Amino acid sequence: MNLNDLRNLSDQFRPTRKMPVLFLGHGSPMNAIEENAFVMGFRKAASEMPKPNAILCISAHWYTSGTKLTAMDLPQTIHDFGSFPQALFDVQYPAPGSPELARAAKDLLAPVVVEEDHQWGLDHGAWSVIRHMYPEADIPVIQMSIDYTKPPQYHFDLAKRLHQLREKGILIIGSGNIIHNLRLIDWRNINTVGAGWDWAVEAREKTNRWLSEGDFQNLINYQQQGTALQYAVPSPDHYLPLMYSLGLKETTDELSLFNDELIGGSLSMTSVRIG
């Protein structure tokens, strides 16, 4: 990033003390309209940090070839799901976008080629959690897509290039689920907090230990960590947002967990605060 880009970033977003970084286990889209311990956890996380100048969200639900950033003034609310109550489809989250932040992030990510996107918007991985944190929808939000052609180490390393945004009041959120196997959901216990298959309990214990010990290499190399992790992460889409959050951790940042529960046998709501 050249000096002119740095000045432009400073002009658009006032300096703040370093913003935390979050990984949010977003779970079912119904969390957008339900009142439960998890959405209370999202609100609590927001109450314990400064109000951001803007938000950059990496959602499991924008999975593309190459990297894209939403760059429109008014992103649409995307209802990217089916078979849910009409009340969920009626939700709108009219937060503004930020073409300026998109350009700044694009410059920071160079030489990676990043496309400015004007078609996507805010998918439910973003708005279903952010609406609980900032219900007035008065904070600009942009999304960054996940390049499905790249391995976890690539995403972890790419995130590091965005670290300057933390000094400009930008809240960076990865939104997915560390354990996410919809094929093995226990529908009898879909709303039972603490319900997990044996492999899910093992995967949660391992990943939580690696998170608390700062052993990110084992998390990056999750595919080499045995059967429990293979069940926990049958596809990487919901897991890779965690790589972006962890890639932004600096040496002095503390890491803590919240919403750390299994539900439905094969889904974890575990969320992470860094800084």
Protein backbone atom coordinates (compact mmCIF):
# COMPACT_ATOMS: atom_id res chain seq x y z
CA MET A 1 0.00 0.00 0.00
CA ASN A 2 1.52 3.33 -1.02
CA LEU A 3 1.55 6.58 0.93
CA ASN A 4 -1.40 8.04 -0.98
CA ASP A 5 -3.49 4.97 -0.15
CA LEU A 6 -2.55 5.31 3.51
CA ARG A 7 -3.58 8.97 3.52
CA ASN A 8 -6.88 8.10 1.83
CA LEU A 9 -7.53 5.44 4.45
CA SER A 10 -6.81 7.96 7.22
CA ASP A 11 -9.09 10.54 5.62
CA GLN A 12 -12.03 8.14 5.40
CA PHE A 13 -11.73 6.39 8.76
CA ARG A 14 -10.54 8.17 11.86
CA PRO A 15 -7.86 6.40 13.91
CA THR A 16 -9.03 4.49 16.97
CA ARG A 17 -7.47 2.20 19.48
CA LYS A 18 -6.98 -1.19 17.85
CA MET A 19 -10.33 -2.85 17.22
CA PRO A 20 -10.91 -6.45 18.28
CA VAL A 21 -11.51 -9.13 15.67
CA LEU A 22 -14.39 -11.60 15.91
CA PHE A 23 -15.25 -15.03 14.62
CA LEU A 24 -18.98 -15.61 15.08
CA GLY A 25 -20.64 -19.01 14.98
CA HIS A 26 -23.82 -17.95 13.21
CA GLY A 27 -25.73 -21.24 13.18
CA SER A 28 -29.27 -21.38 11.84
CA PRO A 29 -30.70 -18.39 9.95
CA MET A 30 -33.47 -18.45 12.57
CA ASN A 31 -31.04 -16.90 15.03
CA ALA A 32 -31.71 -13.67 13.13
CA ILE A 33 -35.23 -13.45 14.59
CA GLU A 34 -35.08 -15.62 17.71
CA GLU A 35 -34.20 -14.54 21.22
CA ASN A 36 -31.74 -16.97 22.76
CA ALA A 37 -28.43 -17.16 24.61
CA PHE A 38 -26.45 -16.97 21.38
CA VAL A 39 -27.89 -13.69 20.14
CA MET A 40 -27.42 -12.32 23.65
CA GLY A 41 -23.78 -13.31 23.26
CA PHE A 42 -23.53 -11.36 20.00
CA ARG A 43 -25.01 -8.27 21.69
CA LYS A 44 -22.69 -8.59 24.66
CA ALA A 45 -19.67 -8.79 22.36
CA ALA A 46 -20.73 -5.54 20.69
CA SER A 47 -21.33 -3.81 24.02
CA GLU A 48 -17.79 -4.61 25.16
CA MET A 49 -15.98 -2.89 22.30
CA PRO A 50 -15.96 0.60 20.77
CA LYS A 51 -18.57 1.30 18.15
CA PRO A 52 -16.82 0.63 14.83
CA ASN A 53 -16.46 3.08 11.97
CA ALA A 54 -17.32 0.26 9.57
CA ILE A 55 -17.49 -3.54 9.40
CA LEU A 56 -15.77 -5.96 7.04
CA CYS A 57 -17.39 -9.40 7.17
CA ILE A 58 -16.05 -12.64 5.71
CA SER A 59 -19.09 -14.92 5.51
CA ALA A 60 -19.24 -18.64 4.80
CA HIS A 61 -22.05 -17.93 2.36
CA TRP A 62 -20.06 -15.97 -0.22
CA TYR A 63 -17.86 -18.64 -1.75
CA THR A 64 -16.32 -17.61 -5.07
CA SER A 65 -13.53 -18.29 -7.52
CA GLY A 66 -11.18 -15.44 -6.72
CA THR A 67 -11.64 -12.75 -4.08
CA LYS A 68 -14.36 -10.12 -4.24
CA LEU A 69 -15.38 -7.15 -2.11
CA THR A 70 -18.84 -5.57 -2.10
CA ALA A 71 -18.42 -2.00 -3.27
CA MET A 72 -21.95 -0.62 -3.58
CA ASP A 73 -23.43 2.25 -1.58
CA LEU A 74 -26.53 0.34 -0.52
CA PRO A 75 -26.08 -3.45 -0.32
CA GLN A 76 -29.21 -5.55 -0.57
CA THR A 77 -30.30 -7.94 2.17
CA ILE A 78 -29.91 -11.41 0.67
CA HIS A 79 -32.23 -14.18 1.85
CA ASP A 80 -30.02 -17.07 0.77
CA PHE A 81 -31.99 -19.94 2.30
CA GLY A 82 -35.26 -21.80 1.88
CA SER A 83 -38.01 -23.51 3.90
CA PHE A 84 -38.06 -20.98 6.73
CA PRO A 85 -40.95 -18.86 8.08
CA GLN A 86 -42.00 -15.80 6.12
CA ALA A 87 -40.98 -13.62 9.07
CA LEU A 88 -37.36 -14.45 8.32
CA PHE A 89 -37.71 -13.49 4.65
CA ASP A 90 -39.32 -10.22 5.72
CA VAL A 91 -36.21 -9.09 7.59
CA GLN A 92 -34.26 -6.27 6.00
CA TYR A 93 -30.93 -4.97 7.26
CA PRO A 94 -30.47 -1.65 5.43
CA ALA A 95 -26.92 -0.86 6.52
CA PRO A 96 -25.01 1.31 4.05
CA GLY A 97 -22.05 -0.05 2.16
CA SER A 98 -18.67 1.62 1.86
CA PRO A 99 -17.02 1.79 -1.56
CA GLU A 100 -14.18 3.67 0.17
CA LEU A 101 -13.48 0.79 2.56
CA ALA A 102 -13.72 -1.69 -0.31
CA ARG A 103 -11.07 0.24 -2.24
CA ALA A 104 -8.83 0.52 0.83
CA ALA A 105 -9.11 -3.22 1.51
CA LYS A 106 -8.46 -3.98 -2.14
CA ASP A 107 -5.27 -1.91 -2.03
CA LEU A 108 -4.12 -3.63 1.15
CA LEU A 109 -4.63 -7.06 -0.41
CA ALA A 110 -2.49 -6.30 -3.47
CA PRO A 111 -0.88 -7.96 -5.38
CA VAL A 112 -3.80 -10.38 -5.01
CA VAL A 113 -6.32 -9.44 -7.67
CA VAL A 114 -9.58 -8.41 -5.99
CA GLU A 115 -12.81 -7.66 -7.84
CA GLU A 116 -15.09 -4.85 -6.67
CA ASP A 117 -18.55 -6.40 -6.72
CA HIS A 118 -21.81 -4.50 -7.22
CA GLN A 119 -24.23 -7.44 -7.34
CA TRP A 120 -24.00 -9.38 -4.07
CA GLY A 121 -24.97 -7.51 -0.90
CA LEU A 122 -25.24 -8.85 2.66
CA ASP A 123 -25.97 -12.56 2.97
CA HIS A 124 -27.38 -14.13 6.11
CA GLY A 125 -23.92 -15.04 7.39
CA ALA A 126 -23.44 -11.30 7.79
CA TRP A 127 -26.79 -9.70 8.57
CA SER A 128 -28.22 -12.45 10.82
CA VAL A 129 -25.52 -11.73 13.41
CA ILE A 130 -24.71 -8.06 12.78
CA ARG A 131 -28.36 -7.03 13.18
CA HIS A 132 -28.21 -8.17 16.82
CA MET A 133 -24.99 -6.29 17.44
CA TYR A 134 -25.97 -3.06 15.71
CA PRO A 135 -29.76 -3.09 15.28
CA GLU A 136 -29.96 0.49 14.00
CA ALA A 137 -28.09 -0.53 10.82
CA ASP A 138 -26.15 2.73 10.96
CA ILE A 139 -22.65 1.27 10.49
CA PRO A 140 -21.34 0.68 6.94
CA VAL A 141 -20.86 -3.00 6.16
CA ILE A 142 -18.94 -4.62 3.34
CA GLN A 143 -18.37 -8.30 2.63
CA MET A 144 -15.28 -10.08 1.38
CA SER A 145 -15.71 -13.39 -0.42
CA ILE A 146 -13.82 -16.61 0.22
CA ASP A 147 -11.81 -17.96 -2.71
CA TYR A 148 -12.72 -21.66 -2.77
CA THR A 149 -9.72 -22.51 -4.96
CA LYS A 150 -7.25 -21.73 -2.14
CA PRO A 151 -6.18 -23.78 0.92
CA PRO A 152 -6.56 -22.69 4.57
CA GLN A 153 -2.98 -21.41 4.86
CA TYR A 154 -3.63 -18.99 1.99
CA HIS A 155 -6.64 -17.47 3.76
CA PHE A 156 -4.77 -17.23 7.07
CA ASP A 157 -1.89 -15.39 5.37
CA LEU A 158 -4.16 -13.16 3.27
CA ALA A 159 -5.92 -11.88 6.38
CA LYS A 160 -2.66 -10.49 7.75
CA ARG A 161 -2.65 -7.86 5.00
CA LEU A 162 -5.79 -6.31 6.47
CA HIS A 163 -4.29 -5.60 9.90
CA GLN A 164 -4.08 -1.82 9.32
CA LEU A 165 -7.86 -1.66 9.20
CA ARG A 166 -8.00 -2.48 12.89
CA GLU A 167 -6.27 0.83 13.64
CA LYS A 168 -8.98 2.71 11.69
CA GLY A 169 -11.96 1.52 13.68
CA ILE A 170 -12.85 -1.29 11.30
CA LEU A 171 -14.41 -4.35 12.94
CA ILE A 172 -13.45 -7.48 11.00
CA ILE A 173 -15.81 -10.42 11.48
CA GLY A 174 -15.45 -13.97 10.25
CA SER A 175 -18.87 -15.64 10.22
CA GLY A 176 -19.28 -19.41 9.94
CA ASN A 177 -19.17 -22.43 12.25
CA ILE A 178 -16.13 -24.39 13.41
CA ILE A 179 -18.18 -27.60 13.54
CA HIS A 180 -20.76 -27.70 10.75
CA ASN A 181 -22.06 -31.01 9.43
CA LEU A 182 -25.67 -30.60 8.33
CA ARG A 183 -25.86 -34.16 7.01
CA LEU A 184 -25.49 -35.52 10.55
CA ILE A 185 -27.82 -33.12 12.39
CA ASP A 186 -29.74 -34.74 15.24
CA TRP A 187 -33.14 -33.21 14.53
CA ARG A 188 -34.55 -34.52 17.82
CA ASN A 189 -32.11 -32.24 19.64
CA ILE A 190 -31.82 -29.41 17.14
CA ASN A 191 -32.64 -26.84 19.83
CA THR A 192 -30.91 -28.60 22.71
CA VAL A 193 -27.87 -26.65 23.86
CA GLY A 194 -24.99 -28.96 24.71
CA ALA A 195 -26.15 -31.82 22.47
CA GLY A 196 -23.23 -33.20 20.48
CA TRP A 197 -22.21 -36.51 18.92
CA ASP A 198 -19.05 -38.04 20.37
CA TRP A 199 -16.97 -36.92 17.40
CA ALA A 200 -18.32 -33.36 17.73
CA VAL A 201 -17.41 -33.29 21.43
CA GLU A 202 -13.91 -34.47 20.54
CA ALA A 203 -13.56 -31.92 17.73
CA ARG A 204 -14.72 -29.10 20.00
CA GLU A 205 -12.28 -30.11 22.73
CA LYS A 206 -9.39 -30.21 20.26
CA THR A 207 -10.16 -26.96 18.47
CA ASN A 208 -10.81 -25.12 21.73
CA ARG A 209 -7.50 -26.32 23.10
CA TRP A 210 -5.63 -25.21 19.99
CA LEU A 211 -7.36 -21.83 20.12
CA SER A 212 -6.53 -21.28 23.79
CA GLU A 213 -2.92 -22.40 23.31
CA GLY A 214 -2.43 -20.35 20.14
CA ASP A 215 -1.68 -23.51 18.19
CA PHE A 216 -3.05 -22.16 14.94
CA GLN A 217 -1.03 -24.49 12.72
CA ASN A 218 -3.09 -27.46 13.85
CA LEU A 219 -6.24 -25.46 13.07
CA ILE A 220 -4.89 -24.55 9.64
CA ASN A 221 -4.02 -28.20 9.00
CA TYR A 222 -7.38 -29.45 10.28
CA GLN A 223 -7.61 -32.08 7.52
CA GLN A 224 -4.66 -33.90 9.08
CA GLN A 225 -6.14 -34.01 12.61
CA GLY A 226 -8.10 -37.26 12.51
CA THR A 227 -11.62 -38.53 12.03
CA ALA A 228 -13.39 -36.15 14.42
CA LEU A 229 -12.19 -33.10 12.49
CA GLN A 230 -13.07 -34.73 9.18
CA TYR A 231 -16.65 -35.14 10.42
CA ALA A 232 -16.65 -31.64 11.91
CA VAL A 233 -15.50 -29.98 8.69
CA PRO A 234 -16.85 -32.04 5.77
CA SER A 235 -16.51 -28.97 3.55
CA PRO A 236 -14.40 -25.88 4.30
CA ASP A 237 -16.91 -23.10 3.59
CA HIS A 238 -18.01 -22.53 7.21
CA TYR A 239 -14.54 -23.17 8.62
CA LEU A 240 -12.46 -20.81 6.48
CA PRO A 241 -13.86 -17.59 8.01
CA LEU A 242 -12.06 -18.66 11.19
CA MET A 243 -8.76 -18.52 9.27
CA TYR A 244 -9.30 -14.82 8.55
CA SER A 245 -9.98 -14.02 12.18
CA LEU A 246 -6.98 -15.99 13.43
CA GLY A 247 -4.71 -14.52 10.77
CA LEU A 248 -5.37 -11.06 12.23
CA LYS A 249 -4.28 -11.97 15.75
CA GLU A 250 -1.20 -10.06 16.87
CA THR A 251 1.23 -11.18 19.57
CA THR A 252 -0.23 -8.94 22.27
CA ASP A 253 -3.87 -9.81 21.54
CA GLU A 254 -5.76 -11.94 24.03
CA LEU A 255 -8.10 -14.61 22.68
CA SER A 256 -11.33 -15.62 24.39
CA LEU A 257 -14.32 -17.83 23.54
CA PHE A 258 -18.02 -17.18 23.96
CA ASN A 259 -21.25 -18.91 22.84
CA ASP A 260 -19.17 -22.05 23.22
CA GLU A 261 -21.87 -24.71 22.85
CA LEU A 262 -22.78 -27.64 20.63
CA ILE A 263 -26.32 -27.93 19.29
CA GLY A 264 -28.10 -30.48 17.16
CA GLY A 265 -25.35 -33.03 17.55
CA SER A 266 -23.16 -31.73 14.75
CA LEU A 267 -23.03 -27.93 14.96
CA SER A 268 -21.01 -25.64 17.22
CA MET A 269 -21.86 -22.04 18.01
CA THR A 270 -18.38 -21.38 19.40
CA SER A 271 -17.34 -17.78 18.79
CA VAL A 272 -13.99 -16.10 19.25
CA ARG A 273 -12.90 -12.62 20.30
CA ILE A 274 -9.36 -11.54 19.55
CA GLY A 275 -8.06 -8.38 21.21
